[in-house]
């Protein structure tokens, strides 16, 4: 697949996801998830868009991070994250069944497909990697889970206890990605001279 085709697909996906979440759930989740997708799209465009990462050293940490995110979402399911979001922030009420189907199963399948795409050096796999690194395994997820208790005047919000699992795994994955990008830059500067 040409990178330009992959970019169009990823852009439509991010815009559609943002609009769907905004219409069905509310602005807070749409900004968190859609914003992560948008930042991931930009990060992908300026890093691995034309030249996907080599899978060695990336695929395995990506899969570990996906597993950590799965455990984190399990906590959110058990502690009724969608119900607490509804009460605290006035988002649309989402049943546990829908949350499990969309977030626990659907998103996990997306992340796994991304890992497979990275392994196959597919451009969309690299987009999903960046989306994952910015959102679920990154800064956005951690900040959101630290902020939720502050805004709700509580000490705990579903997901707070395990948000560090995908964040730690994501940080290691990000380190591996950045290291590969730096090494790639060094190799091309040596090739040119």
N, C-alpha and C. Protein backbone atom coordinates (compact mmCIF):
# COMPACT_ATOMS: atom_id res chain seq x y z
N UNK A 1 0.85 -1.18 0.00
CA UNK A 1 0.00 0.00 0.00
C UNK A 1 0.88 1.24 0.00
N UNK A 2 0.52 2.19 -0.82
CA UNK A 2 1.26 3.44 -0.87
C UNK A 2 1.05 4.21 0.43
N UNK A 3 2.09 4.90 0.91
CA UNK A 3 1.92 5.69 2.13
C UNK A 3 0.79 6.72 2.01
N UNK A 4 0.61 7.32 0.83
CA UNK A 4 -0.45 8.33 0.69
C UNK A 4 -1.83 7.72 0.86
N UNK A 5 -2.03 6.51 0.37
CA UNK A 5 -3.31 5.81 0.56
C UNK A 5 -3.50 5.48 2.04
N UNK A 6 -2.45 5.00 2.68
CA UNK A 6 -2.52 4.70 4.11
C UNK A 6 -2.83 5.95 4.91
N UNK A 7 -2.25 7.08 4.51
CA UNK A 7 -2.50 8.34 5.23
C UNK A 7 -3.96 8.76 5.09
N UNK A 8 -4.53 8.61 3.93
CA UNK A 8 -5.95 8.94 3.73
C UNK A 8 -6.82 8.04 4.59
N UNK A 9 -6.54 6.76 4.58
CA UNK A 9 -7.31 5.80 5.39
C UNK A 9 -7.20 6.16 6.88
N UNK A 10 -5.99 6.42 7.34
CA UNK A 10 -5.79 6.75 8.76
C UNK A 10 -6.48 8.06 9.11
N UNK A 11 -6.42 9.06 8.22
CA UNK A 11 -7.06 10.35 8.48
C UNK A 11 -8.56 10.21 8.58
N UNK A 12 -9.16 9.46 7.66
CA UNK A 12 -10.61 9.23 7.68
C UNK A 12 -10.99 8.47 8.96
N UNK A 13 -10.17 7.50 9.33
CA UNK A 13 -10.42 6.74 10.55
C UNK A 13 -10.43 7.66 11.77
N UNK A 14 -9.42 8.51 11.90
CA UNK A 14 -9.32 9.40 13.06
C UNK A 14 -10.49 10.38 13.10
N UNK A 15 -10.80 10.99 11.97
CA UNK A 15 -11.91 11.95 11.93
C UNK A 15 -13.25 11.26 12.21
N UNK A 16 -13.43 10.08 11.63
CA UNK A 16 -14.66 9.31 11.88
C UNK A 16 -14.78 8.89 13.33
N UNK A 17 -13.67 8.45 13.91
CA UNK A 17 -13.66 8.04 15.31
C UNK A 17 -14.01 9.21 16.21
N UNK A 18 -13.38 10.36 15.96
CA UNK A 18 -13.66 11.56 16.74
C UNK A 18 -15.14 11.93 16.65
N UNK A 19 -15.67 11.97 15.44
CA UNK A 19 -17.07 12.36 15.24
C UNK A 19 -18.02 11.35 15.88
N UNK A 20 -17.74 10.07 15.74
CA UNK A 20 -18.60 9.03 16.32
C UNK A 20 -18.62 9.12 17.84
N UNK A 21 -17.46 9.25 18.44
CA UNK A 21 -17.40 9.34 19.91
C UNK A 21 -18.06 10.62 20.40
N UNK A 22 -17.84 11.71 19.69
CA UNK A 22 -18.48 12.97 20.07
C UNK A 22 -20.00 12.84 20.02
N UNK A 23 -20.53 12.25 18.97
CA UNK A 23 -21.97 12.11 18.80
C UNK A 23 -22.58 11.10 19.77
N UNK A 24 -21.88 10.03 20.07
CA UNK A 24 -22.45 8.94 20.89
C UNK A 24 -22.14 9.02 22.37
N UNK A 25 -20.99 9.61 22.72
CA UNK A 25 -20.55 9.55 24.12
C UNK A 25 -20.39 10.94 24.73
N UNK A 26 -19.68 11.82 24.05
CA UNK A 26 -19.48 13.16 24.59
C UNK A 26 -18.12 13.71 24.23
N UNK A 27 -17.91 14.96 24.59
CA UNK A 27 -16.69 15.65 24.16
C UNK A 27 -15.43 15.19 24.88
N UNK A 28 -15.51 14.83 26.17
CA UNK A 28 -14.30 14.43 26.89
C UNK A 28 -13.67 13.18 26.27
N UNK A 29 -14.43 12.09 26.09
CA UNK A 29 -13.81 10.92 25.45
C UNK A 29 -13.39 11.18 24.00
N UNK A 30 -14.14 12.03 23.29
CA UNK A 30 -13.76 12.29 21.89
C UNK A 30 -12.45 13.05 21.82
N UNK A 31 -12.22 13.98 22.75
CA UNK A 31 -10.95 14.71 22.76
C UNK A 31 -9.81 13.78 23.18
N UNK A 32 -10.05 12.95 24.19
CA UNK A 32 -9.00 12.04 24.67
C UNK A 32 -8.62 11.03 23.58
N UNK A 33 -9.62 10.36 23.02
CA UNK A 33 -9.34 9.30 22.05
C UNK A 33 -9.04 9.89 20.67
N UNK A 34 -9.91 10.77 20.21
CA UNK A 34 -9.69 11.39 18.90
C UNK A 34 -8.43 12.23 18.87
N UNK A 35 -8.16 12.94 19.97
CA UNK A 35 -6.93 13.74 20.04
C UNK A 35 -5.69 12.87 20.00
N UNK A 36 -5.75 11.72 20.68
CA UNK A 36 -4.62 10.78 20.63
C UNK A 36 -4.41 10.29 19.21
N UNK A 37 -5.51 9.99 18.52
CA UNK A 37 -5.41 9.55 17.14
C UNK A 37 -4.82 10.62 16.24
N UNK A 38 -5.25 11.87 16.45
CA UNK A 38 -4.74 12.98 15.64
C UNK A 38 -3.25 13.22 15.88
N UNK A 39 -2.85 13.24 17.15
CA UNK A 39 -1.42 13.43 17.46
C UNK A 39 -0.62 12.24 16.93
N UNK A 40 -1.17 11.03 17.07
CA UNK A 40 -0.51 9.84 16.52
C UNK A 40 -0.35 9.94 15.01
N UNK A 41 -1.37 10.47 14.33
CA UNK A 41 -1.31 10.66 12.89
C UNK A 41 -0.19 11.61 12.50
N UNK A 42 -0.07 12.71 13.23
CA UNK A 42 0.99 13.69 12.96
C UNK A 42 2.37 13.08 13.26
N UNK A 43 2.48 12.39 14.40
CA UNK A 43 3.77 11.76 14.75
C UNK A 43 4.17 10.75 13.68
N UNK A 44 3.22 9.96 13.24
CA UNK A 44 3.49 8.97 12.19
C UNK A 44 3.94 9.65 10.90
N UNK A 45 3.23 10.71 10.53
CA UNK A 45 3.53 11.42 9.28
C UNK A 45 4.96 11.95 9.25
N UNK A 46 5.45 12.37 10.41
CA UNK A 46 6.78 12.97 10.45
C UNK A 46 7.88 12.01 10.89
N UNK A 47 7.55 10.74 11.05
CA UNK A 47 8.59 9.79 11.47
C UNK A 47 8.64 8.56 10.56
N UNK A 48 7.67 7.69 10.63
CA UNK A 48 7.75 6.39 9.96
C UNK A 48 6.78 6.25 8.79
N UNK A 49 6.23 7.34 8.34
CA UNK A 49 5.25 7.35 7.25
C UNK A 49 5.83 6.76 5.96
N UNK A 50 6.96 7.28 5.54
CA UNK A 50 7.57 6.84 4.29
C UNK A 50 8.43 5.58 4.45
N UNK A 51 8.88 5.36 5.66
CA UNK A 51 9.82 4.27 5.90
C UNK A 51 9.45 3.58 7.21
N UNK A 52 8.59 2.56 7.14
CA UNK A 52 8.16 1.88 8.36
C UNK A 52 9.34 1.33 9.16
N UNK A 53 9.09 1.20 10.46
CA UNK A 53 10.11 0.67 11.37
C UNK A 53 10.44 -0.78 11.02
N UNK A 54 11.67 -1.16 11.34
CA UNK A 54 12.04 -2.57 11.27
C UNK A 54 11.37 -3.27 12.46
N UNK A 55 10.76 -4.42 12.27
CA UNK A 55 10.00 -5.05 13.35
C UNK A 55 10.86 -5.57 14.50
N UNK A 56 12.12 -5.88 14.23
CA UNK A 56 12.98 -6.40 15.28
C UNK A 56 13.11 -5.36 16.39
N UNK A 57 12.84 -5.77 17.59
CA UNK A 57 12.96 -4.87 18.73
C UNK A 57 11.73 -4.00 18.96
N UNK A 58 10.73 -4.06 18.07
CA UNK A 58 9.53 -3.25 18.21
C UNK A 58 8.30 -4.13 18.45
N UNK A 59 8.15 -5.18 17.67
CA UNK A 59 6.93 -5.99 17.74
C UNK A 59 6.71 -6.58 19.13
N UNK A 60 7.72 -7.21 19.71
CA UNK A 60 7.55 -7.84 21.03
C UNK A 60 7.19 -6.82 22.11
N UNK A 61 7.89 -5.67 22.24
CA UNK A 61 7.49 -4.69 23.24
C UNK A 61 6.09 -4.12 22.97
N UNK A 62 5.71 -4.01 21.69
CA UNK A 62 4.37 -3.55 21.35
C UNK A 62 3.34 -4.54 21.90
N UNK A 63 3.58 -5.84 21.70
CA UNK A 63 2.65 -6.85 22.19
C UNK A 63 2.58 -6.85 23.72
N UNK A 64 3.70 -6.65 24.39
CA UNK A 64 3.70 -6.56 25.85
C UNK A 64 2.87 -5.35 26.30
N UNK A 65 3.04 -4.23 25.62
CA UNK A 65 2.28 -3.02 25.96
C UNK A 65 0.78 -3.23 25.71
N UNK A 66 0.43 -3.94 24.66
CA UNK A 66 -0.98 -4.26 24.40
C UNK A 66 -1.54 -5.12 25.53
N UNK A 67 -0.76 -6.09 25.98
CA UNK A 67 -1.18 -6.92 27.11
C UNK A 67 -1.38 -6.09 28.37
N UNK A 68 -0.48 -5.16 28.62
CA UNK A 68 -0.60 -4.28 29.78
C UNK A 68 -1.84 -3.40 29.67
N UNK A 69 -2.13 -2.91 28.46
CA UNK A 69 -3.34 -2.11 28.24
C UNK A 69 -4.58 -2.95 28.47
N UNK A 70 -4.55 -4.22 28.08
CA UNK A 70 -5.68 -5.12 28.30
C UNK A 70 -5.97 -5.27 29.79
N UNK A 71 -4.92 -5.46 30.59
CA UNK A 71 -5.09 -5.56 32.05
C UNK A 71 -5.68 -4.25 32.59
N UNK A 72 -5.18 -3.13 32.11
CA UNK A 72 -5.69 -1.82 32.53
C UNK A 72 -7.18 -1.68 32.22
N UNK A 73 -7.58 -2.07 31.02
CA UNK A 73 -9.00 -1.97 30.64
C UNK A 73 -9.84 -2.95 31.45
N UNK A 74 -9.28 -4.09 31.82
CA UNK A 74 -10.01 -5.01 32.70
C UNK A 74 -10.37 -4.32 34.02
N UNK A 75 -9.43 -3.56 34.58
CA UNK A 75 -9.74 -2.81 35.80
C UNK A 75 -10.89 -1.83 35.53
N UNK A 76 -10.83 -1.15 34.39
CA UNK A 76 -11.90 -0.21 34.05
C UNK A 76 -13.25 -0.91 33.93
N UNK A 77 -13.25 -2.11 33.37
CA UNK A 77 -14.50 -2.88 33.24
C UNK A 77 -15.00 -3.26 34.63
N UNK A 78 -14.14 -3.84 35.45
CA UNK A 78 -14.54 -4.31 36.78
C UNK A 78 -15.04 -3.16 37.65
N UNK A 79 -14.41 -2.00 37.53
CA UNK A 79 -14.75 -0.86 38.39
C UNK A 79 -15.74 0.11 37.72
N UNK A 80 -16.32 -0.29 36.60
CA UNK A 80 -17.37 0.46 35.90
C UNK A 80 -16.93 1.85 35.45
N UNK A 81 -15.87 1.89 34.68
CA UNK A 81 -15.39 3.15 34.12
C UNK A 81 -16.47 3.92 33.37
N UNK A 82 -17.25 3.28 32.47
CA UNK A 82 -18.25 4.07 31.75
C UNK A 82 -19.32 4.65 32.67
N UNK A 83 -19.71 3.92 33.69
CA UNK A 83 -20.69 4.44 34.65
C UNK A 83 -20.16 5.63 35.42
N UNK A 84 -18.90 5.54 35.82
CA UNK A 84 -18.28 6.65 36.55
C UNK A 84 -18.08 7.88 35.66
N UNK A 85 -17.75 7.67 34.39
CA UNK A 85 -17.64 8.79 33.45
C UNK A 85 -18.99 9.48 33.29
N UNK A 86 -20.04 8.68 33.23
CA UNK A 86 -21.38 9.23 33.08
C UNK A 86 -21.76 10.09 34.29
N UNK A 87 -21.52 9.57 35.47
CA UNK A 87 -21.86 10.30 36.71
C UNK A 87 -20.98 11.54 36.86
N UNK A 88 -19.68 11.39 36.65
CA UNK A 88 -18.74 12.48 36.91
C UNK A 88 -18.76 13.58 35.85
N UNK A 89 -18.91 13.20 34.60
CA UNK A 89 -18.74 14.17 33.52
C UNK A 89 -19.94 14.32 32.60
N UNK A 90 -21.01 13.59 32.88
CA UNK A 90 -22.21 13.72 32.07
C UNK A 90 -22.10 13.13 30.68
N UNK A 91 -21.16 12.21 30.48
CA UNK A 91 -21.07 11.55 29.18
C UNK A 91 -22.29 10.64 29.02
N UNK A 92 -22.57 10.24 27.81
CA UNK A 92 -23.69 9.32 27.57
C UNK A 92 -23.44 8.03 28.35
N UNK A 93 -24.52 7.44 28.84
CA UNK A 93 -24.37 6.18 29.56
C UNK A 93 -24.08 5.07 28.56
N UNK A 94 -23.00 4.35 28.81
CA UNK A 94 -22.62 3.22 27.97
C UNK A 94 -22.72 1.97 28.82
N UNK A 95 -23.37 0.97 28.32
CA UNK A 95 -23.50 -0.28 29.08
C UNK A 95 -22.15 -0.97 29.17
N UNK A 96 -22.02 -1.81 30.18
CA UNK A 96 -20.79 -2.59 30.34
C UNK A 96 -20.55 -3.46 29.11
N UNK A 97 -21.63 -4.01 28.55
CA UNK A 97 -21.49 -4.86 27.37
C UNK A 97 -20.89 -4.11 26.19
N UNK A 98 -21.36 -2.89 25.97
CA UNK A 98 -20.82 -2.08 24.87
C UNK A 98 -19.37 -1.71 25.16
N UNK A 99 -19.07 -1.33 26.41
CA UNK A 99 -17.70 -0.97 26.77
C UNK A 99 -16.76 -2.16 26.57
N UNK A 100 -17.19 -3.34 27.00
CA UNK A 100 -16.37 -4.54 26.81
C UNK A 100 -16.17 -4.81 25.32
N UNK A 101 -17.25 -4.73 24.55
CA UNK A 101 -17.16 -5.02 23.13
C UNK A 101 -16.28 -4.04 22.36
N UNK A 102 -16.43 -2.75 22.67
CA UNK A 102 -15.72 -1.73 21.91
C UNK A 102 -14.30 -1.52 22.43
N UNK A 103 -14.16 -1.33 23.73
CA UNK A 103 -12.85 -0.96 24.29
C UNK A 103 -12.00 -2.20 24.60
N UNK A 104 -12.56 -3.14 25.35
CA UNK A 104 -11.76 -4.30 25.74
C UNK A 104 -11.44 -5.18 24.54
N UNK A 105 -12.44 -5.48 23.71
CA UNK A 105 -12.23 -6.38 22.58
C UNK A 105 -11.83 -5.62 21.33
N UNK A 106 -12.63 -4.65 20.92
CA UNK A 106 -12.38 -3.94 19.66
C UNK A 106 -11.05 -3.20 19.64
N UNK A 107 -10.79 -2.40 20.67
CA UNK A 107 -9.53 -1.65 20.71
C UNK A 107 -8.34 -2.60 20.81
N UNK A 108 -8.47 -3.65 21.61
CA UNK A 108 -7.38 -4.62 21.72
C UNK A 108 -7.08 -5.25 20.37
N UNK A 109 -8.12 -5.58 19.62
CA UNK A 109 -7.91 -6.14 18.27
C UNK A 109 -7.23 -5.12 17.35
N UNK A 110 -7.59 -3.84 17.50
CA UNK A 110 -6.93 -2.80 16.71
C UNK A 110 -5.44 -2.74 17.05
N UNK A 111 -5.11 -2.75 18.35
CA UNK A 111 -3.71 -2.69 18.76
C UNK A 111 -2.95 -3.93 18.29
N UNK A 112 -3.59 -5.10 18.38
CA UNK A 112 -2.94 -6.33 17.89
C UNK A 112 -2.73 -6.29 16.38
N UNK A 113 -3.71 -5.75 15.66
CA UNK A 113 -3.55 -5.59 14.21
C UNK A 113 -2.41 -4.62 13.91
N UNK A 114 -2.28 -3.60 14.74
CA UNK A 114 -1.16 -2.67 14.59
C UNK A 114 0.18 -3.35 14.78
N UNK A 115 0.26 -4.20 15.80
CA UNK A 115 1.50 -4.94 16.04
C UNK A 115 1.81 -5.86 14.85
N UNK A 116 0.78 -6.51 14.33
CA UNK A 116 0.97 -7.35 13.15
C UNK A 116 1.44 -6.49 11.97
N UNK A 117 0.82 -5.30 11.81
CA UNK A 117 1.22 -4.39 10.74
C UNK A 117 2.67 -3.92 10.89
N UNK A 118 3.08 -3.63 12.11
CA UNK A 118 4.49 -3.25 12.35
C UNK A 118 5.39 -4.41 11.96
N UNK A 119 5.00 -5.61 12.38
CA UNK A 119 5.80 -6.79 12.06
C UNK A 119 5.92 -6.99 10.55
N UNK A 120 4.88 -6.65 9.82
CA UNK A 120 4.87 -6.79 8.35
C UNK A 120 5.39 -5.54 7.64
N UNK A 121 5.78 -4.52 8.42
CA UNK A 121 6.26 -3.22 7.90
C UNK A 121 5.19 -2.53 7.06
N UNK A 122 3.96 -2.67 7.47
CA UNK A 122 2.83 -2.03 6.78
C UNK A 122 2.68 -0.61 7.31
N UNK A 123 2.45 0.36 6.43
CA UNK A 123 2.33 1.74 6.90
C UNK A 123 1.23 1.94 7.95
N UNK A 124 0.09 1.29 7.79
CA UNK A 124 -0.98 1.48 8.77
C UNK A 124 -0.62 0.89 10.13
N UNK A 125 0.20 -0.15 10.14
CA UNK A 125 0.68 -0.68 11.42
C UNK A 125 1.47 0.37 12.18
N UNK A 126 2.26 1.14 11.45
CA UNK A 126 3.04 2.21 12.08
C UNK A 126 2.14 3.34 12.56
N UNK A 127 1.07 3.65 11.83
CA UNK A 127 0.10 4.63 12.33
C UNK A 127 -0.51 4.16 13.63
N UNK A 128 -0.97 2.91 13.67
CA UNK A 128 -1.60 2.37 14.89
C UNK A 128 -0.60 2.38 16.04
N UNK A 129 0.66 2.08 15.77
CA UNK A 129 1.70 2.14 16.80
C UNK A 129 1.76 3.54 17.41
N UNK A 130 1.80 4.57 16.57
CA UNK A 130 1.88 5.94 17.09
C UNK A 130 0.60 6.33 17.83
N UNK A 131 -0.54 5.94 17.33
CA UNK A 131 -1.82 6.20 18.02
C UNK A 131 -1.77 5.57 19.41
N UNK A 132 -1.31 4.34 19.47
CA UNK A 132 -1.21 3.61 20.74
C UNK A 132 -0.22 4.27 21.69
N UNK A 133 0.94 4.67 21.15
CA UNK A 133 1.96 5.30 21.99
C UNK A 133 1.50 6.63 22.58
N UNK A 134 0.74 7.41 21.83
CA UNK A 134 0.26 8.70 22.32
C UNK A 134 -0.89 8.52 23.30
N UNK A 135 -1.81 7.64 22.99
CA UNK A 135 -3.02 7.48 23.79
C UNK A 135 -2.91 6.45 24.89
N UNK A 136 -3.33 5.20 24.62
CA UNK A 136 -3.41 4.18 25.67
C UNK A 136 -2.11 3.90 26.41
N UNK A 137 -1.00 3.89 25.71
CA UNK A 137 0.27 3.56 26.36
C UNK A 137 1.10 4.80 26.60
N UNK A 138 0.47 5.95 26.60
CA UNK A 138 1.27 7.16 26.69
C UNK A 138 0.74 8.23 27.60
N UNK A 139 1.23 9.39 27.33
CA UNK A 139 0.99 10.58 28.13
C UNK A 139 -0.49 10.88 28.34
N UNK A 140 -1.29 10.76 27.29
CA UNK A 140 -2.71 11.12 27.36
C UNK A 140 -3.44 10.26 28.38
N UNK A 141 -3.24 8.97 28.35
CA UNK A 141 -3.92 8.06 29.27
C UNK A 141 -3.52 8.33 30.73
N UNK A 142 -2.24 8.55 30.95
CA UNK A 142 -1.76 8.81 32.31
C UNK A 142 -2.33 10.12 32.84
N UNK A 143 -2.24 11.18 32.05
CA UNK A 143 -2.75 12.49 32.50
C UNK A 143 -4.26 12.41 32.76
N UNK A 144 -4.98 11.76 31.87
CA UNK A 144 -6.43 11.64 32.07
C UNK A 144 -6.75 10.91 33.36
N UNK A 145 -6.07 9.79 33.62
CA UNK A 145 -6.38 9.02 34.82
C UNK A 145 -5.92 9.72 36.10
N UNK A 146 -4.89 10.54 36.01
CA UNK A 146 -4.50 11.33 37.18
C UNK A 146 -5.45 12.51 37.39
N UNK A 147 -5.99 13.04 36.31
CA UNK A 147 -6.88 14.20 36.41
C UNK A 147 -8.29 13.82 36.85
N UNK A 148 -8.78 12.67 36.45
CA UNK A 148 -10.16 12.30 36.78
C UNK A 148 -10.46 12.39 38.27
N UNK A 149 -9.62 11.85 39.17
CA UNK A 149 -9.94 11.97 40.60
C UNK A 149 -9.95 13.42 41.09
N UNK A 150 -9.11 14.25 40.50
CA UNK A 150 -9.08 15.67 40.90
C UNK A 150 -10.40 16.34 40.55
N UNK A 151 -10.89 16.09 39.34
CA UNK A 151 -12.14 16.71 38.91
C UNK A 151 -13.36 16.14 39.61
N UNK A 152 -13.23 14.94 40.15
CA UNK A 152 -14.37 14.32 40.84
C UNK A 152 -14.24 14.40 42.35
N UNK A 153 -13.21 15.10 42.82
CA UNK A 153 -12.97 15.28 44.25
C UNK A 153 -12.86 13.95 44.98
N UNK A 154 -12.27 12.99 44.31
CA UNK A 154 -12.08 11.67 44.90
C UNK A 154 -10.62 11.29 44.89
N UNK A 155 -10.35 10.10 45.41
CA UNK A 155 -8.98 9.60 45.44
C UNK A 155 -8.75 8.54 44.39
N UNK A 156 -9.82 8.04 43.82
CA UNK A 156 -9.71 6.94 42.87
C UNK A 156 -10.72 7.14 41.75
N UNK A 157 -10.33 6.75 40.57
CA UNK A 157 -11.22 6.69 39.42
C UNK A 157 -10.86 5.41 38.68
N UNK A 158 -11.84 4.67 38.16
CA UNK A 158 -11.54 3.39 37.52
C UNK A 158 -10.42 3.50 36.48
N UNK A 159 -9.43 2.66 36.65
CA UNK A 159 -8.27 2.64 35.76
C UNK A 159 -7.02 3.23 36.39
N UNK A 160 -7.18 3.97 37.49
CA UNK A 160 -6.05 4.64 38.11
C UNK A 160 -5.00 3.66 38.64
N UNK A 161 -5.44 2.55 39.18
CA UNK A 161 -4.50 1.60 39.80
C UNK A 161 -3.58 0.93 38.78
N UNK A 162 -4.06 0.74 37.55
CA UNK A 162 -3.27 0.00 36.57
C UNK A 162 -2.80 0.84 35.38
N UNK A 163 -3.07 2.13 35.39
CA UNK A 163 -2.65 2.97 34.26
C UNK A 163 -1.14 2.94 34.08
N UNK A 164 -0.43 2.61 35.13
CA UNK A 164 1.04 2.59 35.06
C UNK A 164 1.56 1.39 34.27
N UNK A 165 0.75 0.35 34.15
CA UNK A 165 1.21 -0.82 33.37
C UNK A 165 1.41 -0.48 31.90
N UNK A 166 0.37 0.00 31.19
CA UNK A 166 0.62 0.36 29.79
C UNK A 166 1.56 1.55 29.65
N UNK A 167 1.58 2.43 30.64
CA UNK A 167 2.49 3.58 30.55
C UNK A 167 3.94 3.13 30.61
N UNK A 168 4.27 2.23 31.52
CA UNK A 168 5.65 1.73 31.63
C UNK A 168 6.04 0.94 30.38
N UNK A 169 5.15 0.05 29.95
CA UNK A 169 5.44 -0.73 28.74
C UNK A 169 5.53 0.19 27.53
N UNK A 170 4.67 1.19 27.47
CA UNK A 170 4.69 2.15 26.37
C UNK A 170 5.94 2.99 26.36
N UNK A 171 6.43 3.34 27.54
CA UNK A 171 7.66 4.12 27.62
C UNK A 171 8.85 3.32 27.08
N UNK A 172 8.90 2.03 27.43
CA UNK A 172 9.96 1.19 26.88
C UNK A 172 9.81 1.05 25.37
N UNK A 173 8.58 0.87 24.90
CA UNK A 173 8.32 0.77 23.46
C UNK A 173 8.74 2.06 22.76
N UNK A 174 8.40 3.20 23.35
CA UNK A 174 8.78 4.49 22.77
C UNK A 174 10.31 4.62 22.71
N UNK A 175 10.98 4.18 23.75
CA UNK A 175 12.44 4.18 23.76
C UNK A 175 12.98 3.37 22.57
N UNK A 176 12.41 2.18 22.34
CA UNK A 176 12.86 1.32 21.24
C UNK A 176 12.61 1.99 19.89
N UNK A 177 11.45 2.64 19.75
CA UNK A 177 11.12 3.34 18.50
C UNK A 177 12.10 4.49 18.26
N UNK A 178 12.30 5.32 19.29
CA UNK A 178 13.20 6.46 19.15
C UNK A 178 14.63 6.00 18.87
N UNK A 179 15.08 4.96 19.55
CA UNK A 179 16.42 4.42 19.31
C UNK A 179 16.56 3.99 17.86
N UNK A 180 15.55 3.31 17.33
CA UNK A 180 15.62 2.86 15.94
C UNK A 180 15.64 4.07 14.98
N UNK A 181 14.85 5.08 15.29
CA UNK A 181 14.83 6.27 14.43
C UNK A 181 16.18 7.00 14.47
N UNK A 182 16.79 7.08 15.65
CA UNK A 182 18.11 7.71 15.78
C UNK A 182 19.17 6.88 15.04
N UNK A 183 19.14 5.57 15.25
CA UNK A 183 20.09 4.70 14.55
C UNK A 183 19.92 4.80 13.03
N UNK A 184 18.68 4.88 12.59
CA UNK A 184 18.39 5.02 11.16
C UNK A 184 18.99 6.33 10.63
N UNK A 185 18.83 7.40 11.40
CA UNK A 185 19.39 8.69 11.00
C UNK A 185 20.90 8.65 10.92
N UNK A 186 21.52 7.97 11.88
CA UNK A 186 22.99 7.84 11.87
C UNK A 186 23.45 7.05 10.66
N UNK A 187 22.72 5.97 10.36
CA UNK A 187 23.10 5.13 9.23
C UNK A 187 22.98 5.89 7.91
N UNK A 188 21.94 6.71 7.76
CA UNK A 188 21.80 7.44 6.50
C UNK A 188 22.81 8.55 6.38
N UNK A 189 23.23 9.13 7.51
CA UNK A 189 24.26 10.17 7.42
C UNK A 189 25.61 9.56 7.09
N UNK A 190 25.86 8.33 7.52
CA UNK A 190 27.09 7.63 7.18
C UNK A 190 27.06 7.25 5.71
N UNK A 191 25.89 6.78 5.20
CA UNK A 191 25.76 6.40 3.81
C UNK A 191 26.01 7.56 2.86
N UNK A 192 25.59 8.76 3.27
CA UNK A 192 25.71 9.93 2.40
C UNK A 192 27.16 10.37 2.30
N UNK A 193 27.93 10.28 3.40
CA UNK A 193 29.31 10.78 3.39
C UNK A 193 30.30 9.82 2.85
